[in-house]
Protein backbone atom coordinates (compact mmCIF):
# COMPACT_ATOMS: atom_id res chain seq x y z
CA UNK A 1 10.81 -19.52 2.30
CA UNK A 2 8.79 -18.49 -0.36
CA UNK A 3 5.29 -16.48 -0.17
CA UNK A 4 1.97 -18.00 -0.18
CA UNK A 5 -0.78 -16.29 -1.81
CA UNK A 6 -3.92 -16.10 0.03
CA UNK A 7 -7.29 -14.81 -0.73
CA UNK A 8 -9.61 -13.05 1.79
CA UNK A 9 -13.02 -11.34 0.91
CA UNK A 10 -12.53 -7.62 1.03
CA UNK A 11 -15.97 -6.90 2.46
CA UNK A 12 -17.56 -3.53 2.31
CA UNK A 13 -18.07 -3.42 6.26
CA UNK A 14 -14.31 -3.03 6.58
CA UNK A 15 -11.75 -4.18 3.53
CA UNK A 16 -8.83 -3.91 5.97
CA UNK A 17 -10.09 -6.80 8.23
CA UNK A 18 -7.73 -8.90 6.18
CA UNK A 19 -4.74 -7.32 7.86
CA UNK A 20 -5.39 -9.00 11.01
CA UNK A 21 -5.71 -12.13 9.45
CA UNK A 22 -2.81 -11.79 7.45
CA UNK A 23 -0.71 -11.09 10.66
CA UNK A 24 -1.98 -13.84 12.38
CA UNK A 25 -0.74 -16.23 9.63
CA UNK A 26 2.80 -14.61 9.89
CA UNK A 27 2.88 -15.20 13.67
CA UNK A 28 2.78 -19.23 12.75
CA UNK A 29 5.70 -18.96 10.57
CA UNK A 30 3.97 -18.48 7.16
CA UNK A 31 5.12 -15.85 4.64
CA UNK A 32 1.85 -14.68 2.93
CA UNK A 33 0.66 -12.23 0.20
CA UNK A 34 -2.71 -10.79 -0.66
CA UNK A 35 -3.82 -8.91 -3.63
CA UNK A 36 -7.08 -6.99 -3.24
CA UNK A 37 -9.25 -4.07 -4.30
CA UNK A 38 -11.56 -2.35 -1.96
CA UNK A 39 -14.75 -0.54 -2.55
CA UNK A 40 -14.78 3.35 -3.03
CA UNK A 41 -13.55 4.60 0.18
CA UNK A 42 -10.69 6.61 1.80
CA UNK A 43 -8.37 4.98 4.45
CA UNK A 44 -6.70 7.06 7.23
CA UNK A 45 -4.23 5.96 9.82
CA UNK A 46 -5.26 5.79 13.55
CA UNK A 47 -3.42 9.03 14.21
CA UNK A 48 -6.02 10.84 12.34
CA UNK A 49 -8.09 10.70 15.53
CA UNK A 50 -6.35 13.84 16.88
CA UNK A 51 -8.62 15.98 14.44
CA UNK A 52 -11.54 16.93 16.43
CA UNK A 53 -14.22 16.74 13.33
CA UNK A 54 -12.83 13.02 12.16
CA UNK A 55 -16.03 11.17 13.10
CA UNK A 56 -18.25 13.83 12.03
CA UNK A 57 -16.64 13.88 8.59
CA UNK A 58 -16.56 10.07 8.53
CA UNK A 59 -20.09 9.90 9.22
CA UNK A 60 -20.95 12.22 6.16
CA UNK A 61 -18.57 10.61 3.80
CA UNK A 62 -20.41 7.12 4.59
CA UNK A 63 -23.50 8.96 4.00
CA UNK A 64 -22.36 9.99 0.44
CA UNK A 65 -21.21 6.45 -0.51
CA UNK A 66 -17.47 6.91 0.40
CA UNK A 67 -16.70 5.22 3.87
CA UNK A 68 -13.44 6.30 5.50
CA UNK A 69 -11.76 3.20 7.54
CA UNK A 70 -8.74 3.29 9.99
CA UNK A 71 -5.93 1.56 9.50
CA UNK A 72 -3.12 0.09 11.72
CA UNK A 73 -0.18 1.34 9.78
CA UNK A 74 1.06 5.03 9.89
CA UNK A 75 1.35 7.84 7.35
CA UNK A 76 -1.36 9.87 5.62
CA UNK A 77 -4.77 9.59 3.60
CA UNK A 78 -4.87 6.95 1.07
CA UNK A 79 -7.80 6.63 -1.50
CA UNK A 80 -9.41 3.23 -2.55
CA UNK A 81 -11.93 2.27 -5.08
CA UNK A 82 -12.02 0.92 -8.64
CA UNK A 83 -8.76 0.94 -10.54
CA UNK A 84 -6.63 0.79 -7.49
CA UNK A 85 -4.82 -2.48 -6.44
CA UNK A 86 -3.73 -3.36 -3.05
CA UNK A 87 -0.53 -5.77 -2.34
CA UNK A 88 -0.27 -6.78 1.32
CA UNK A 89 2.85 -9.09 2.44
CA UNK A 90 3.11 -10.57 5.90
CA UNK A 91 5.95 -12.46 7.45
CA UNK A 92 8.31 -12.74 10.56
CA UNK A 93 11.20 -10.71 11.45
CA UNK A 94 13.71 -10.88 13.80
CA UNK A 95 15.07 -7.57 15.00
CA UNK A 96 14.35 -3.92 15.45
CA UNK A 97 12.13 -1.50 13.34
CA UNK A 98 15.12 0.75 13.37
CA UNK A 99 17.37 -1.96 11.83
CA UNK A 100 14.90 -3.56 9.35
CA UNK A 101 12.29 -1.26 8.04
CA UNK A 102 14.31 0.06 5.05
CA UNK A 103 14.87 -3.42 3.85
CA UNK A 104 11.12 -4.13 4.37
CA UNK A 105 10.32 -1.22 2.43
CA UNK A 106 12.90 -1.82 -0.56
CA UNK A 107 11.79 -5.40 -0.61
CA UNK A 108 8.09 -4.50 -1.35
CA UNK A 109 9.19 -1.96 -3.66
CA UNK A 110 11.63 -4.22 -5.73
CA UNK A 111 8.44 -6.57 -6.01
CA UNK A 112 6.46 -3.77 -7.77
CA UNK A 113 9.24 -2.48 -10.11
CA UNK A 114 9.87 -6.04 -11.23
CA UNK A 115 6.23 -6.64 -12.09
CA UNK A 116 5.76 -3.39 -13.75
CA UNK A 117 8.99 -3.79 -15.51
CA UNK A 118 7.41 -6.93 -17.12
CA UNK A 119 4.58 -4.48 -18.59
CA UNK A 120 7.00 -2.02 -19.96
CA UNK A 121 7.18 0.62 -17.08
CA UNK A 122 10.59 1.46 -15.72
CA UNK A 123 10.23 2.77 -12.05
CA UNK A 124 11.99 3.67 -8.82
CA UNK A 125 11.07 4.47 -5.41
CA UNK A 126 11.55 8.40 -4.03
CA UNK A 127 9.45 10.92 -2.34
CA UNK A 128 6.92 12.94 -4.33
CA UNK A 129 6.17 16.21 -2.64
CA UNK A 130 2.51 17.10 -3.17
CA UNK A 131 1.20 13.52 -3.72
CA UNK A 132 -1.26 11.84 -0.97
CA UNK A 133 0.71 9.93 1.75
CA UNK A 134 4.09 10.93 0.59
CA UNK A 135 7.08 8.74 1.69
CA UNK A 136 10.55 8.11 0.70
CA UNK A 137 9.37 4.65 -0.34
CA UNK A 138 6.70 5.82 -2.88
CA UNK A 139 7.09 3.84 -6.35
CA UNK A 140 7.66 6.46 -9.03
CA UNK A 141 7.67 7.03 -12.87
CA UNK A 142 9.53 9.51 -14.46
CA UNK A 143 12.77 11.55 -14.15
CA UNK A 144 13.86 11.95 -10.52
CA UNK A 145 13.38 15.96 -10.75
CA UNK A 146 9.80 15.40 -12.22
CA UNK A 147 8.71 11.89 -10.92
CA UNK A 148 5.05 11.00 -10.41
CA UNK A 149 3.59 8.65 -7.69
CA UNK A 150 2.42 5.19 -8.91
CA UNK A 151 2.25 3.58 -5.51
CA UNK A 152 2.58 4.22 -1.79
CA UNK A 153 3.79 1.99 0.75
CA UNK A 154 3.41 1.29 4.52
CA UNK A 155 4.40 -1.02 7.41
CA UNK A 156 2.89 -2.34 10.61
CA UNK A 157 4.96 -4.40 13.04
CA UNK A 158 3.44 -6.57 16.00
CA UNK A 159 5.45 -8.00 18.47
CA UNK A 160 5.54 -11.87 18.50
CA UNK A 161 6.30 -13.91 21.75
CA UNK A 162 9.57 -15.91 21.00
CA UNK A 163 11.18 -18.72 22.58
CA UNK A 164 13.65 -18.36 25.68
CA UNK A 165 17.05 -17.60 24.92
CA UNK A 166 16.43 -15.50 21.95
CA UNK A 167 18.82 -12.78 21.31
CA UNK A 168 16.62 -10.45 19.07
CA UNK A 169 13.04 -9.44 19.42
CA UNK A 170 10.41 -11.17 16.92
CA UNK A 171 7.99 -9.32 15.25
CA UNK A 172 5.34 -9.89 12.54
CA UNK A 173 5.29 -7.41 9.70
CA UNK A 174 2.65 -6.38 7.38
CA UNK A 175 4.06 -4.48 4.33
CA UNK A 176 1.77 -2.98 2.25
CA UNK A 177 1.41 -1.14 -1.31
CA UNK A 178 -1.49 0.92 -3.03
CA UNK A 179 -1.17 0.83 -6.74
CA UNK A 180 -2.93 3.28 -9.09
CA UNK A 181 -3.68 0.94 -11.94
CA UNK A 182 -6.42 2.75 -13.87
CA UNK A 183 -7.78 5.16 -11.02
CA UNK A 184 -8.39 8.63 -12.29
CA UNK A 185 -5.71 10.85 -10.42
CA UNK A 186 -8.02 14.11 -10.59
CA UNK A 187 -11.21 12.04 -8.91
CA UNK A 188 -9.18 10.29 -6.01
CA UNK A 189 -7.28 13.64 -5.43
CA UNK A 190 -10.49 15.48 -5.14
CA UNK A 191 -11.90 13.06 -2.81
CA UNK A 192 -8.88 13.20 -0.59
CA UNK A 193 -8.95 16.99 -0.66
CA UNK A 194 -12.59 16.95 0.37
CA UNK A 195 -12.00 14.91 3.54
CA UNK A 196 -8.86 16.93 4.35
CA UNK A 197 -10.81 20.03 4.25
CA UNK A 198 -13.67 18.30 6.25
CA UNK A 199 -11.42 17.66 9.09
CA UNK A 200 -9.58 20.68 8.94
CA UNK A 201 -5.92 19.08 8.54
CA UNK A 202 -4.60 21.92 6.63
CA UNK A 203 -3.37 19.29 4.08
CA UNK A 204 -4.01 19.20 0.00
CA UNK A 205 -2.56 17.07 -2.47
CA UNK A 206 -1.81 17.66 -6.30
CA UNK A 207 -3.33 15.47 -8.83
CA UNK A 208 -0.39 16.26 -11.07
CA UNK A 209 2.00 14.63 -8.70
CA UNK A 210 0.22 11.20 -9.22
CA UNK A 211 -0.12 9.10 -12.22
CA UNK A 212 -1.94 5.98 -12.91
CA UNK A 213 -0.29 2.84 -14.76
CA UNK A 214 -2.61 3.04 -17.65
CA UNK A 215 -1.62 6.75 -18.13
CA UNK A 216 2.19 5.98 -17.74
CA UNK A 217 1.96 3.22 -20.30
CA UNK A 218 -0.06 5.49 -22.57
CA UNK A 219 2.65 8.20 -22.22
CA UNK A 220 5.37 5.75 -23.13
CA UNK A 221 3.85 4.81 -26.49
CA UNK A 222 2.33 1.29 -25.01
CA UNK A 223 -1.14 0.50 -25.46
CA UNK A 224 -2.61 -0.59 -21.99
CA UNK A 225 -4.53 -3.91 -22.55
CA UNK A 226 -8.34 -4.00 -21.88
CA UNK A 227 -7.59 -5.96 -18.92
CA UNK A 228 -5.23 -4.16 -17.38
CA UNK A 229 -5.94 -4.81 -13.70
CA UNK A 230 -5.79 -8.73 -14.53
CA UNK A 231 -2.42 -8.28 -16.37
CA UNK A 232 -1.03 -5.97 -13.33
CA UNK A 233 -2.32 -8.68 -10.78
CA UNK A 234 -0.60 -11.58 -12.72
CA UNK A 235 2.81 -9.76 -12.84
CA UNK A 236 2.42 -9.00 -9.28
CA UNK A 237 1.98 -12.46 -8.57
CA UNK A 238 4.66 -13.91 -10.73
CA UNK A 239 7.12 -11.24 -8.93
CA UNK A 240 5.95 -12.05 -5.42
CA UNK A 241 6.38 -15.73 -5.94
CA UNK A 242 9.79 -15.30 -7.25
CA UNK A 243 10.99 -13.42 -3.92
CA UNK A 244 11.47 -14.57 -0.20
CA UNK A 245 11.44 -12.16 2.85
CA UNK A 246 14.16 -9.67 2.98
CA UNK A 247 15.52 -11.00 6.24
CA UNK A 248 16.79 -14.09 7.87
CA UNK A 249 14.65 -15.26 11.00
CA UNK A 250 16.68 -18.16 12.06
CA UNK A 251 17.84 -18.31 15.65
């Protein structure tokens, strides 16, 4: 089943509210995709509640005009704001996290890789030590030994009641990517590090380990278009619509 691209208003009150709506659509059997930009903010997983200073730091950052939202998926802190594009996919899978999570990540990275390839960027997935929310399925640009992170990925699984006699559990999966299109790595890392300092997490990120699509295109000799965000969104839309979920969910 191909993906339907749906739109939700990314409101300032909580731009992540659409994640719940996407999962609800997936539970009905639809395969849905959502592309969006959030206001200037930070997003952290709920596991950050273990830091005693979290709520006081959130209040202070909100006062400065940078709210900090809690998301359902795991991982680490992620900057949001102008020049950062989000892609969320939601669909049903039948099976377990251990068996299928890598396929979910590879599918998402392949969509990003194909889209950016049409713009002239050759990318791959790998961990990039020192980058924010580092993981094995970052989308990276550059030689493997000196690659820089372009996008981070995450996923969240929610159990779905399946019919009698089903041989494997059913889940609605939310697969999410955060792509740096024209955001300034120095600014977003400074903001991320300031929050990590405020909660005394001990984490620190290196702006030199990430790169934007705009920077990567410039360094390859390609002149980024004035409407780069729109160009990337169009490429992602085409890539999403050309694919189907990575697993077969038939009984």
